[in-house]
Protein backbone atom coordinates (compact mmCIF):
# COMPACT_ATOMS: atom_id res chain seq x y z
CA MET A 1 0.00 -0.01 0.00
CA LEU A 2 1.39 3.37 -1.03
CA GLN A 3 1.43 6.54 1.03
CA LEU A 4 -0.67 8.89 -1.07
CA ASN A 5 1.41 11.97 -0.15
CA GLU A 6 4.58 10.20 -1.27
CA ALA A 7 3.04 9.01 -4.55
CA LEU A 8 1.95 12.58 -5.33
CA ALA A 9 5.14 14.30 -4.17
CA GLU A 10 7.27 12.05 -6.39
CA ASN A 11 5.33 12.98 -9.54
CA SER A 12 5.43 16.60 -10.75
CA TYR A 13 2.61 16.02 -13.22
CA PRO A 14 0.12 13.15 -12.73
CA GLY A 15 -2.42 15.33 -14.51
CA ARG A 16 -5.93 14.79 -13.20
CA GLY A 17 -6.49 12.25 -10.47
CA ILE A 18 -9.25 10.33 -8.66
CA VAL A 19 -8.91 8.70 -5.26
CA ILE A 20 -11.69 6.53 -3.80
CA GLY A 21 -11.61 4.46 -0.64
CA ARG A 22 -12.84 4.03 2.92
CA SER A 23 -11.82 6.09 5.90
CA GLY A 24 -9.58 4.59 8.59
CA ASP A 25 -12.44 4.36 11.06
CA GLY A 26 -14.62 2.66 8.46
CA ARG A 27 -17.43 5.22 8.75
CA TYR A 28 -16.97 7.12 5.48
CA ALA A 29 -16.76 6.53 1.75
CA VAL A 30 -14.02 8.90 0.69
CA THR A 31 -13.26 10.48 -2.66
CA ALA A 32 -10.89 13.12 -3.92
CA TYR A 33 -10.52 14.65 -7.38
CA PHE A 34 -7.79 17.07 -8.40
CA ILE A 35 -6.84 18.89 -11.54
CA MET A 36 -3.44 20.23 -12.63
CA GLY A 37 -2.33 22.32 -15.58
CA ARG A 38 0.72 23.28 -17.56
CA SER A 39 -0.87 25.81 -19.94
CA GLY A 40 -2.41 29.14 -18.97
CA ASN A 41 -5.79 27.89 -20.22
CA SER A 42 -5.69 24.81 -18.00
CA ARG A 43 -4.51 26.77 -14.96
CA ASN A 44 -7.22 29.41 -15.41
CA ARG A 45 -9.83 27.32 -13.54
CA VAL A 46 -11.63 26.90 -10.23
CA PHE A 47 -14.03 24.35 -8.79
CA VAL A 48 -17.47 25.68 -7.82
CA THR A 49 -20.45 23.84 -6.33
CA GLU A 50 -23.38 22.86 -8.52
CA GLY A 51 -26.22 21.06 -6.83
CA GLU A 52 -24.73 18.11 -4.91
CA GLY A 53 -21.71 18.11 -7.18
CA ILE A 54 -19.22 20.54 -8.67
CA ARG A 55 -18.24 22.03 -12.01
CA THR A 56 -15.19 23.80 -13.38
CA GLU A 57 -15.32 27.38 -14.48
CA ALA A 58 -12.80 29.97 -15.72
CA PHE A 59 -11.23 31.96 -12.95
CA ASP A 60 -10.76 34.87 -15.36
CA PRO A 61 -13.32 34.52 -18.19
CA SER A 62 -11.46 37.08 -20.33
CA LYS A 63 -8.53 34.65 -20.54
CA LEU A 64 -10.54 31.53 -21.41
CA GLU A 65 -9.40 30.03 -24.72
CA ASP A 66 -10.78 26.59 -25.70
CA PRO A 67 -13.35 25.45 -23.12
CA SER A 68 -14.08 22.07 -24.76
CA LEU A 69 -11.95 19.86 -22.56
CA ILE A 70 -11.57 21.98 -19.45
CA ILE A 71 -15.09 23.15 -18.55
CA TYR A 72 -17.28 20.28 -17.28
CA ALA A 73 -18.94 18.84 -14.20
CA PRO A 74 -16.44 16.54 -12.49
CA VAL A 75 -18.87 15.41 -9.79
CA ARG A 76 -22.62 14.59 -9.98
CA VAL A 77 -24.91 12.67 -7.65
CA LEU A 78 -27.71 10.35 -8.69
CA GLY A 79 -29.51 8.75 -5.68
CA PRO A 80 -27.01 6.40 -4.01
CA TYR A 81 -24.37 7.04 -6.69
CA THR A 82 -21.63 9.66 -6.69
CA ILE A 83 -19.95 10.03 -10.09
CA VAL A 84 -16.46 11.50 -10.34
CA THR A 85 -14.68 11.92 -13.64
CA ASN A 86 -12.10 14.06 -15.48
CA GLY A 87 -14.43 15.20 -18.25
CA ASP A 88 -17.92 15.50 -19.68
CA GLN A 89 -18.33 11.73 -19.39
CA THR A 90 -19.73 12.54 -15.95
CA ASP A 91 -22.94 13.40 -17.81
CA THR A 92 -22.67 10.27 -19.92
CA VAL A 93 -22.49 8.05 -16.76
CA TYR A 94 -25.30 10.02 -15.11
CA GLU A 95 -27.59 9.51 -18.13
CA GLY A 96 -26.62 5.87 -18.44
CA LEU A 97 -27.35 5.07 -14.79
CA SER A 98 -30.68 6.93 -15.15
CA GLN A 99 -31.56 4.55 -17.99
CA GLY A 100 -30.67 1.43 -16.02
CA LYS A 101 -27.24 0.89 -17.61
CA THR A 102 -24.20 -0.17 -15.65
CA PHE A 103 -21.17 2.05 -15.13
CA GLU A 104 -19.23 0.12 -17.74
CA GLN A 105 -22.09 0.11 -20.24
CA SER A 106 -22.55 3.87 -19.82
CA LEU A 107 -18.94 4.52 -20.75
CA GLY A 108 -19.12 2.13 -23.72
CA ARG A 109 -19.70 4.92 -26.22
CA ARG A 110 -16.87 7.14 -24.98
CA GLU A 111 -13.13 6.99 -25.50
CA PHE A 112 -9.97 8.99 -24.66
CA GLU A 113 -9.86 12.75 -25.29
CA PRO A 114 -9.14 13.95 -28.83
CA ASP A 115 -6.10 16.04 -27.79
CA ALA A 116 -3.38 14.59 -30.04
CA PRO A 117 -0.60 13.73 -29.45
CA ASN A 118 -1.40 13.15 -25.73
CA TYR A 119 -4.79 11.43 -26.19
CA THR A 120 -5.49 12.06 -22.53
CA PRO A 121 -7.24 9.10 -20.87
CA ARG A 122 -10.75 9.54 -19.60
CA ILE A 123 -10.73 8.39 -15.97
CA SER A 124 -13.99 7.86 -14.07
CA GLY A 125 -15.05 6.70 -10.62
CA LEU A 126 -18.37 5.59 -9.16
CA LEU A 127 -19.20 5.39 -5.42
CA HIS A 128 -22.26 3.36 -4.42
CA VAL A 129 -23.51 3.92 -0.88
CA GLU A 130 -26.84 2.30 -0.04
CA ASP A 131 -28.44 0.53 2.95
CA GLY A 132 -25.31 0.85 5.05
CA ALA A 133 -23.07 -0.72 2.39
CA PHE A 134 -20.38 0.76 0.15
CA ASP A 135 -18.65 -0.34 -3.02
CA TYR A 136 -16.91 1.51 -5.83
CA ALA A 137 -15.51 1.22 -9.34
CA LEU A 138 -12.84 2.97 -11.40
CA SER A 139 -12.52 3.11 -15.18
CA ILE A 140 -9.87 4.25 -17.65
CA LEU A 141 -10.32 4.70 -21.36
CA LYS A 142 -7.02 5.26 -23.14
CA SER A 143 -5.26 4.95 -26.49
CA ASN A 144 -3.11 1.95 -27.33
CA GLU A 145 0.34 3.27 -26.38
CA GLY A 146 -0.45 6.53 -28.19
CA ASP A 147 -2.17 4.87 -31.17
CA PRO A 148 -5.63 6.42 -31.46
CA ALA A 149 -6.89 3.65 -33.74
CA CYS A 150 -7.58 1.47 -30.66
CA CYS A 151 -9.26 2.41 -27.40
CA LEU A 152 -8.28 0.30 -24.37
CA ARG A 153 -11.11 0.02 -21.82
CA HIS A 154 -10.37 -1.10 -18.26
CA THR A 155 -12.86 -1.19 -15.40
CA PHE A 156 -11.91 -2.11 -11.81
CA THR A 157 -14.54 -2.89 -9.16
CA TYR A 158 -14.07 -2.99 -5.41
CA ASP A 159 -16.62 -4.71 -3.16
CA ARG A 160 -16.70 -4.24 0.63
CA PRO A 161 -13.57 -2.06 0.69
CA ALA A 162 -11.44 -2.34 3.83
CA ALA A 163 -11.14 0.54 6.26
CA GLY A 164 -8.13 2.75 5.61
CA GLU A 165 -7.65 1.56 2.03
CA GLY A 166 -8.33 3.20 -1.30
CA HIS A 167 -7.27 3.34 -4.92
CA PHE A 168 -5.69 6.13 -6.91
CA LEU A 169 -6.05 6.58 -10.66
CA HIS A 170 -4.54 9.45 -12.65
CA THR A 171 -4.26 10.42 -16.28
CA TYR A 172 -0.45 10.53 -16.84
CA LEU A 173 2.43 8.41 -15.59
CA HIS A 174 4.53 11.56 -15.29
CA ASP A 175 5.43 14.73 -17.16
CA GLY A 176 6.64 14.44 -20.73
CA SER A 177 6.04 15.34 -24.35
CA PRO A 178 3.84 13.74 -25.39
CA LEU A 179 2.41 12.91 -21.97
CA PRO A 180 2.50 9.17 -21.27
CA SER A 181 -0.86 7.64 -20.27
CA PHE A 182 -1.35 5.96 -16.93
CA SER A 183 -0.48 2.26 -17.02
CA GLY A 184 -1.49 -0.72 -14.90
CA GLU A 185 -4.07 -1.09 -12.14
CA PRO A 186 -5.15 1.81 -9.93
CA LYS A 187 -2.62 2.28 -7.12
CA LYS A 188 -3.58 0.98 -3.72
CA VAL A 189 -3.17 3.83 -1.19
CA LYS A 190 -3.73 4.52 2.47
CA ILE A 191 -6.74 6.61 3.50
CA ALA A 192 -6.17 8.26 6.87
CA GLY A 193 -7.46 11.13 9.00
CA ASP A 194 -10.57 13.27 8.92
CA ILE A 195 -11.69 15.26 5.90
CA ASP A 196 -9.60 18.33 6.66
CA SER A 197 -6.36 16.45 7.36
CA PHE A 198 -6.85 14.29 4.27
CA ALA A 199 -7.59 17.27 2.06
CA LYS A 200 -4.54 19.07 3.41
CA LEU A 201 -2.33 16.01 2.82
CA VAL A 202 -3.42 15.75 -0.81
CA TRP A 203 -3.24 19.47 -1.59
CA GLU A 204 0.18 20.02 0.00
CA SER A 205 1.60 16.95 -1.76
CA LEU A 206 0.68 18.18 -5.26
CA ASN A 207 3.29 20.04 -7.27
CA GLU A 208 3.08 23.73 -6.36
CA ASP A 209 3.54 25.01 -9.90
CA ASN A 210 1.06 22.66 -11.58
CA LYS A 211 -1.80 22.13 -9.08
CA VAL A 212 -5.03 23.97 -9.78
CA SER A 213 -8.00 22.66 -7.73
CA LEU A 214 -9.02 19.86 -5.34
CA PHE A 215 -12.39 18.37 -4.31
CA VAL A 216 -12.70 16.04 -1.30
CA ARG A 217 -15.87 14.41 0.02
CA TYR A 218 -16.44 12.22 3.10
CA LEU A 219 -19.78 10.38 2.79
CA GLU A 220 -21.11 8.67 5.86
CA ILE A 221 -21.98 5.13 4.89
CA ALA A 222 -24.66 4.60 7.56
CA THR A 223 -26.63 7.79 6.87
CA GLY A 224 -25.64 9.07 3.41
CA LYS A 225 -24.77 12.51 4.83
CA TYR A 226 -21.57 14.08 3.55
CA ASP A 227 -19.01 16.83 4.05
CA THR A 228 -17.17 18.46 1.18
CA ARG A 229 -14.01 20.52 0.85
CA ILE A 230 -13.02 22.53 -2.22
CA ILE A 231 -9.58 24.09 -2.58
CA ASN A 232 -8.66 26.41 -5.47
CA LYS A 233 -5.19 27.80 -6.03
CA ASN A 234 -6.62 30.80 -7.82
CA ARG A 235 -8.73 31.73 -4.82
CA LYS A 236 -6.34 32.13 -1.94
CA THR A 237 -9.13 32.13 0.65
CA ASP A 238 -9.89 28.51 -0.34
CA CYS A 239 -6.32 27.31 0.34
CA PHE A 240 -4.73 26.16 3.58
């Protein structure tokens, strides 16, 4: 099991990342989603609340260039499901679940982002909290070693997750040109502390130059009640 802060600190550019797991005391389903950026357009963003979820928006609208891959709703809630993704496939999963499709089926008509030569993977997570039980899934849709002719689709499901354990999936292995896609299974990581200490650990471990925004939610498994933290580098009052 990796220490999440070490895994983040050792990588200057994991891109966008999803963490899902169970709190150390077993009470909470935990998720975190962060975004990073190298270009001015990617860095010109903040997370804002929208209903029970969040969306991205331009911090300075006058500097917004291409919004197609950077403005979206990373988090939406549908009944017992919390959807967390790095793109507009959040809406695809939401619509699919609404129609009775599975998580995997919902993503079946999507693929990696059309941002050659990186072909950024679409990463997605689904938390299911219902009747005092919790399970989750993670998905990655990526090109075949940079070849856009083939989309590789991997879904990982986790039943009855153990307290203090989670999994971490991010878009890029590390910085580079082109950016290399994540490879292998989601990383097993330790989930520790309350929501504020966990959010602080993640935020302070992300590369200072490249980090942009962070969302963290602790969802009580027994009741369905949740607490949320949002941290935006562009809004200093949001930061620790």
